[in-house]
C-alpha atoms as a PDB file:
ATOM      1  CA  UNK A   1     159.456 183.481 -40.634  1.00  0.00           C
ATOM      2  CA  UNK A   2     162.459 185.077 -42.217  1.00  0.00           C
ATOM      3  CA  UNK A   3     164.759 182.868 -44.266  1.00  0.00           C
ATOM      4  CA  UNK A   4     168.352 183.726 -44.998  1.00  0.00           C
ATOM      5  CA  UNK A   5     169.519 181.456 -47.800  1.00  0.00           C
ATOM      6  CA  UNK A   6     173.127 181.234 -48.936  1.00  0.00           C
ATOM      7  CA  UNK A   7     174.807 179.210 -51.654  1.00  0.00           C
ATOM      8  CA  UNK A   8     178.054 177.347 -50.986  1.00  0.00           C
ATOM      9  CA  UNK A   9     181.444 178.664 -52.119  1.00  0.00           C
ATOM     10  CA  UNK A  10     183.113 178.063 -55.459  1.00  0.00           C
ATOM     11  CA  UNK A  11     183.912 174.430 -56.312  1.00  0.00           C
ATOM     12  CA  UNK A  12     186.353 172.771 -58.696  1.00  0.00           C
ATOM     13  CA  UNK A  13     183.316 171.526 -60.604  1.00  0.00           C
ATOM     14  CA  UNK A  14     181.970 175.087 -60.981  1.00  0.00           C
ATOM     15  CA  UNK A  15     185.250 176.012 -62.677  1.00  0.00           C
ATOM     16  CA  UNK A  16     185.408 172.997 -64.972  1.00  0.00           C
ATOM     17  CA  UNK A  17     181.734 173.027 -65.987  1.00  0.00           C
ATOM     18  CA  UNK A  18     181.105 169.610 -64.453  1.00  0.00           C
ATOM     19  CA  UNK A  19     177.516 168.813 -63.470  1.00  0.00           C
ATOM     20  CA  UNK A  20     177.867 167.977 -59.798  1.00  0.00           C
ATOM     21  CA  UNK A  21     174.231 167.501 -58.767  1.00  0.00           C
ATOM     22  CA  UNK A  22     174.269 165.381 -55.617  1.00  0.00           C
ATOM     23  CA  UNK A  23     177.919 164.357 -55.963  1.00  0.00           C
ATOM     24  CA  UNK A  24     180.169 165.811 -53.301  1.00  0.00           C
ATOM     25  CA  UNK A  25     181.962 168.675 -55.044  1.00  0.00           C
ATOM     26  CA  UNK A  26     185.321 170.000 -53.876  1.00  0.00           C
ATOM     27  CA  UNK A  27     185.668 173.597 -52.736  1.00  0.00           C
ATOM     28  CA  UNK A  28     188.467 175.543 -54.383  1.00  0.00           C
ATOM     29  CA  UNK A  29     190.840 177.591 -52.201  1.00  0.00           C
ATOM     30  CA  UNK A  30     188.770 180.606 -53.294  1.00  0.00           C
ATOM     31  CA  UNK A  31     185.576 178.758 -52.267  1.00  0.00           C
ATOM     32  CA  UNK A  32     187.005 178.173 -48.785  1.00  0.00           C
ATOM     33  CA  UNK A  33     187.895 181.860 -48.464  1.00  0.00           C
ATOM     34  CA  UNK A  34     184.397 182.792 -49.658  1.00  0.00           C
ATOM     35  CA  UNK A  35     182.895 180.524 -46.977  1.00  0.00           C
ATOM     36  CA  UNK A  36     185.013 182.156 -44.266  1.00  0.00           C
ATOM     37  CA  UNK A  37     184.119 185.653 -45.465  1.00  0.00           C
ATOM     38  CA  UNK A  38     180.418 184.748 -45.530  1.00  0.00           C
ATOM     39  CA  UNK A  39     180.658 183.419 -41.976  1.00  0.00           C
ATOM     40  CA  UNK A  40     182.066 186.810 -40.948  1.00  0.00           C
ATOM     41  CA  UNK A  41     179.292 188.666 -42.800  1.00  0.00           C
ATOM     42  CA  UNK A  42     176.653 186.608 -40.970  1.00  0.00           C
ATOM     43  CA  UNK A  43     178.314 186.584 -37.525  1.00  0.00           C
ATOM     44  CA  UNK A  44     176.098 189.315 -36.047  1.00  0.00           C
ATOM     45  CA  UNK A  45     172.818 187.935 -37.384  1.00  0.00           C
ATOM     46  CA  UNK A  46     170.499 186.117 -35.007  1.00  0.00           C
ATOM     47  CA  UNK A  47     169.338 182.679 -36.183  1.00  0.00           C
ATOM     48  CA  UNK A  48     167.222 180.282 -34.181  1.00  0.00           C
ATOM     49  CA  UNK A  49     168.358 177.381 -36.357  1.00  0.00           C
ATOM     50  CA  UNK A  50     170.847 176.684 -39.151  1.00  0.00           C
ATOM     51  CA  UNK A  51     169.984 174.066 -41.766  1.00  0.00           C
ATOM     52  CA  UNK A  52     172.477 172.975 -44.396  1.00  0.00           C
ATOM     53  CA  UNK A  53     172.681 170.520 -47.233  1.00  0.00           C
ATOM     54  CA  UNK A  54     174.635 167.522 -45.999  1.00  0.00           C
ATOM     55  CA  UNK A  55     176.957 167.705 -49.019  1.00  0.00           C
ATOM     56  CA  UNK A  56     180.425 168.848 -47.935  1.00  0.00           C
ATOM     57  CA  UNK A  57     180.495 172.010 -50.096  1.00  0.00           C
ATOM     58  CA  UNK A  58     177.647 173.353 -47.934  1.00  0.00           C
ATOM     59  CA  UNK A  59     178.473 171.624 -44.649  1.00  0.00           C
ATOM     60  CA  UNK A  60     181.916 173.271 -44.645  1.00  0.00           C
ATOM     61  CA  UNK A  61     180.343 176.725 -44.699  1.00  0.00           C
ATOM     62  CA  UNK A  62     177.744 175.712 -42.121  1.00  0.00           C
ATOM     63  CA  UNK A  63     180.450 174.695 -39.667  1.00  0.00           C
ATOM     64  CA  UNK A  64     182.278 178.012 -40.151  1.00  0.00           C
ATOM     65  CA  UNK A  65     179.069 179.987 -39.574  1.00  0.00           C
ATOM     66  CA  UNK A  66     178.251 177.853 -36.521  1.00  0.00           C
ATOM     67  CA  UNK A  67     181.524 178.963 -34.895  1.00  0.00           C
ATOM     68  CA  UNK A  68     179.976 182.457 -34.579  1.00  0.00           C
ATOM     69  CA  UNK A  69     176.659 180.980 -33.417  1.00  0.00           C
ATOM     70  CA  UNK A  70     177.717 178.323 -30.882  1.00  0.00           C
ATOM     71  CA  UNK A  71     174.285 178.101 -29.244  1.00  0.00           C
ATOM     72  CA  UNK A  72     172.367 177.773 -32.520  1.00  0.00           C
ATOM     73  CA  UNK A  73     171.396 174.258 -33.526  1.00  0.00           C
ATOM     74  CA  UNK A  74     172.836 173.062 -36.860  1.00  0.00           C
ATOM     75  CA  UNK A  75     171.069 170.370 -38.859  1.00  0.00           C
ATOM     76  CA  UNK A  76     172.572 168.788 -41.977  1.00  0.00           C
ATOM     77  CA  UNK A  77     169.873 167.422 -44.264  1.00  0.00           C
ATOM     78  CA  UNK A  78     169.419 165.778 -47.650  1.00  0.00           C
ATOM     79  CA  UNK A  79     166.342 167.973 -48.152  1.00  0.00           C
ATOM     80  CA  UNK A  80     168.594 170.923 -49.064  1.00  0.00           C
ATOM     81  CA  UNK A  81     170.614 168.974 -51.628  1.00  0.00           C
ATOM     82  CA  UNK A  82     170.992 170.084 -55.212  1.00  0.00           C
ATOM     83  CA  UNK A  83     168.819 168.573 -57.936  1.00  0.00           C
ATOM     84  CA  UNK A  84     169.693 164.941 -58.587  1.00  0.00           C
ATOM     85  CA  UNK A  85     170.962 164.886 -62.166  1.00  0.00           C
ATOM     86  CA  UNK A  86     170.908 161.105 -62.531  1.00  0.00           C
ATOM     87  CA  UNK A  87     173.111 159.828 -65.354  1.00  0.00           C
ATOM     88  CA  UNK A  88     174.233 163.414 -66.113  1.00  0.00           C
ATOM     89  CA  UNK A  89     176.021 163.832 -62.772  1.00  0.00           C
ATOM     90  CA  UNK A  90     179.776 164.026 -63.228  1.00  0.00           C
ATOM     91  CA  UNK A  91     179.525 164.882 -66.931  1.00  0.00           C
ATOM     92  CA  UNK A  92     180.721 168.113 -68.498  1.00  0.00           C
ATOM     93  CA  UNK A  93     177.851 170.563 -69.048  1.00  0.00           C
ATOM     94  CA  UNK A  94     178.646 170.902 -72.773  1.00  0.00           C
ATOM     95  CA  UNK A  95     178.491 167.129 -73.318  1.00  0.00           C
ATOM     96  CA  UNK A  96     174.906 166.818 -72.044  1.00  0.00           C
ATOM     97  CA  UNK A  97     172.007 167.139 -74.474  1.00  0.00           C
ATOM     98  CA  UNK A  98     169.136 168.397 -72.323  1.00  0.00           C
ATOM     99  CA  UNK A  99     166.964 168.751 -75.421  1.00  0.00           C
ATOM    100  CA  UNK A 100     167.078 164.969 -75.890  1.00  0.00           C
ATOM    101  CA  UNK A 101     164.896 164.567 -72.800  1.00  0.00           C
ATOM    102  CA  UNK A 102     161.150 164.335 -73.280  1.00  0.00           C
ATOM    103  CA  UNK A 103     158.650 166.689 -71.666  1.00  0.00           C
ATOM    104  CA  UNK A 104     158.550 170.399 -70.991  1.00  0.00           C
ATOM    105  CA  UNK A 105     161.430 172.181 -69.233  1.00  0.00           C
ATOM    106  CA  UNK A 106     160.041 171.734 -65.706  1.00  0.00           C
ATOM    107  CA  UNK A 107     159.175 168.047 -66.075  1.00  0.00           C
ATOM    108  CA  UNK A 108     161.949 166.502 -68.138  1.00  0.00           C
ATOM    109  CA  UNK A 109     164.570 164.614 -66.198  1.00  0.00           C
ATOM    110  CA  UNK A 110     167.663 162.539 -66.784  1.00  0.00           C
ATOM    111  CA  UNK A 111     167.513 158.811 -66.211  1.00  0.00           C
ATOM    112  CA  UNK A 112     167.549 158.098 -62.447  1.00  0.00           C
ATOM    113  CA  UNK A 113     167.376 161.838 -61.811  1.00  0.00           C
ATOM    114  CA  UNK A 114     164.983 164.506 -60.615  1.00  0.00           C
ATOM    115  CA  UNK A 115     162.996 167.011 -62.665  1.00  0.00           C
ATOM    116  CA  UNK A 116     162.920 170.729 -61.898  1.00  0.00           C
ATOM    117  CA  UNK A 117     159.273 170.318 -60.839  1.00  0.00           C
ATOM    118  CA  UNK A 118     160.235 167.541 -58.401  1.00  0.00           C
ATOM    119  CA  UNK A 119     163.061 169.676 -57.029  1.00  0.00           C
ATOM    120  CA  UNK A 120     160.684 172.607 -56.566  1.00  0.00           C
ATOM    121  CA  UNK A 121     158.190 170.406 -54.718  1.00  0.00           C
ATOM    122  CA  UNK A 122     160.962 169.083 -52.459  1.00  0.00           C
ATOM    123  CA  UNK A 123     162.227 172.605 -51.740  1.00  0.00           C
ATOM    124  CA  UNK A 124     158.791 174.084 -51.017  1.00  0.00           C
ATOM    125  CA  UNK A 125     157.778 171.113 -48.864  1.00  0.00           C
ATOM    126  CA  UNK A 126     160.867 171.751 -46.748  1.00  0.00           C
ATOM    127  CA  UNK A 127     160.138 175.480 -46.419  1.00  0.00           C
ATOM    128  CA  UNK A 128     156.551 174.662 -45.462  1.00  0.00           C
ATOM    129  CA  UNK A 129     157.820 172.254 -42.791  1.00  0.00           C
ATOM    130  CA  UNK A 130     160.188 174.938 -41.499  1.00  0.00           C
ATOM    131  CA  UNK A 131     157.358 177.450 -41.303  1.00  0.00           C
ATOM    132  CA  UNK A 132     155.347 175.045 -39.152  1.00  0.00           C
ATOM    133  CA  UNK A 133     158.295 174.628 -36.782  1.00  0.00           C
ATOM    134  CA  UNK A 134     159.755 178.154 -36.833  1.00  0.00           C
ATOM    135  CA  UNK A 135     156.894 180.523 -37.693  1.00  0.00           C
ATOM    136  CA  UNK A 136     158.271 183.636 -35.958  1.00  0.00           C
ATOM    137  CA  UNK A 137     161.980 182.922 -36.230  1.00  0.00           C
ATOM    138  CA  UNK A 138     165.010 183.722 -38.380  1.00  0.00           C
ATOM    139  CA  UNK A 139     166.361 180.626 -40.102  1.00  0.00           C
ATOM    140  CA  UNK A 140     169.583 180.217 -42.081  1.00  0.00           C
ATOM    141  CA  UNK A 141     169.658 177.748 -44.986  1.00  0.00           C
ATOM    142  CA  UNK A 142     172.830 176.741 -46.860  1.00  0.00           C
ATOM    143  CA  UNK A 143     172.134 175.099 -50.177  1.00  0.00           C
ATOM    144  CA  UNK A 144     172.815 174.968 -53.920  1.00  0.00           C
ATOM    145  CA  UNK A 145     172.055 176.979 -57.054  1.00  0.00           C
ATOM    146  CA  UNK A 146     169.203 174.802 -58.379  1.00  0.00           C
ATOM    147  CA  UNK A 147     167.487 174.415 -54.996  1.00  0.00           C
ATOM    148  CA  UNK A 148     167.681 178.128 -54.237  1.00  0.00           C
ATOM    149  CA  UNK A 149     166.406 179.049 -57.716  1.00  0.00           C
ATOM    150  CA  UNK A 150     163.195 177.124 -56.968  1.00  0.00           C
ATOM    151  CA  UNK A 151     162.619 179.195 -53.838  1.00  0.00           C
ATOM    152  CA  UNK A 152     163.303 182.430 -55.733  1.00  0.00           C
ATOM    153  CA  UNK A 153     160.938 181.273 -58.482  1.00  0.00           C
ATOM    154  CA  UNK A 154     158.128 180.627 -56.023  1.00  0.00           C
ATOM    155  CA  UNK A 155     158.432 183.860 -54.059  1.00  0.00           C
ATOM    156  CA  UNK A 156     159.051 186.082 -57.098  1.00  0.00           C
ATOM    157  CA  UNK A 157     156.453 184.491 -59.377  1.00  0.00           C
ATOM    158  CA  UNK A 158     159.081 184.017 -62.101  1.00  0.00           C
ATOM    159  CA  UNK A 159     159.410 180.723 -63.961  1.00  0.00           C
ATOM    160  CA  UNK A 160     162.289 178.594 -62.679  1.00  0.00           C
ATOM    161  CA  UNK A 161     163.761 178.659 -66.158  1.00  0.00           C
ATOM    162  CA  UNK A 162     163.964 182.470 -66.055  1.00  0.00           C
ATOM    163  CA  UNK A 163     165.561 182.837 -62.616  1.00  0.00           C
ATOM    164  CA  UNK A 164     169.181 183.954 -62.903  1.00  0.00           C
ATOM    165  CA  UNK A 165     171.978 181.771 -61.595  1.00  0.00           C
ATOM    166  CA  UNK A 166     172.548 182.137 -57.858  1.00  0.00           C
ATOM    167  CA  UNK A 167     176.170 183.155 -57.393  1.00  0.00           C
ATOM    168  CA  UNK A 168     178.507 181.388 -54.973  1.00  0.00           C
ATOM    169  CA  UNK A 169     177.972 182.700 -51.420  1.00  0.00           C
ATOM    170  CA  UNK A 170     175.099 184.935 -52.515  1.00  0.00           C
ATOM    171  CA  UNK A 171     172.798 185.642 -49.547  1.00  0.00           C
ATOM    172  CA  UNK A 172     169.056 185.940 -50.108  1.00  0.00           C
ATOM    173  CA  UNK A 173     166.489 187.148 -47.567  1.00  0.00           C
ATOM    174  CA  UNK A 174     162.877 185.996 -47.850  1.00  0.00           C
ATOM    175  CA  UNK A 175     159.895 186.676 -45.643  1.00  0.00           C
ATOM    176  CA  UNK A 176     157.621 183.629 -45.486  1.00  0.00           C
ATOM    177  CA  UNK A 177     153.982 183.712 -44.404  1.00  0.00           C
ATOM    178  CA  UNK A 178     151.053 181.316 -44.110  1.00  0.00           C
ATOM    179  CA  UNK A 179     150.465 178.941 -47.041  1.00  0.00           C
ATOM    180  CA  UNK A 180     153.896 179.731 -48.519  1.00  0.00           C
ATOM    181  CA  UNK A 181     153.012 183.353 -49.168  1.00  0.00           C
ATOM    182  CA  UNK A 182     155.778 185.854 -48.802  1.00  0.00           C
ATOM    183  CA  UNK A 183     158.253 188.007 -50.630  1.00  0.00           C
ATOM    184  CA  UNK A 184     161.908 188.349 -51.409  1.00  0.00           C
ATOM    185  CA  UNK A 185     163.408 191.094 -49.286  1.00  0.00           C
ATOM    186  CA  UNK A 186     166.927 191.094 -50.673  1.00  0.00           C
ATOM    187  CA  UNK A 187     168.882 189.153 -53.300  1.00  0.00           C
ATOM    188  CA  UNK A 188     172.277 190.625 -52.234  1.00  0.00           C
ATOM    189  CA  UNK A 189     173.831 190.143 -55.658  1.00  0.00           C
END
């Protein structure tokens, strides 16, 4: 299976440094233009299915891409959502003290939130499910920085903590094999 994974366009929260998590962020005018340009970039690709986070910053792009792929099924799903940041959601990044949380980097989590390890498990479980359903197909995923970083971490063998930020509308190509083996083909940075 070949995955094409793209991050949503720029949001107001990206600009202000607000931790959005699973809140529904608002695309900036630039973010909407980025989504339209990405839809044009991907218009000639062949996808057997498009999956998108159900949060509007991703769903907006998914709908634009779908216009060029009218016969391709689009599924909006919570499984592609960003990491749930619990009590930190909606706060400014500089006001949050991550070091106050107990545990190592992968396992610490805000109250009522999700750890990086839990996010990675959720992301890889979804990719494994996709592989079972779409083994020899090209699949497009539209998601968020944290979710995508977990996929990059797995297929590159780099710690999640050391994976660079995924830029808005960055497209990543990954070849997935049995038992979640595979490799990153292109990071398109």
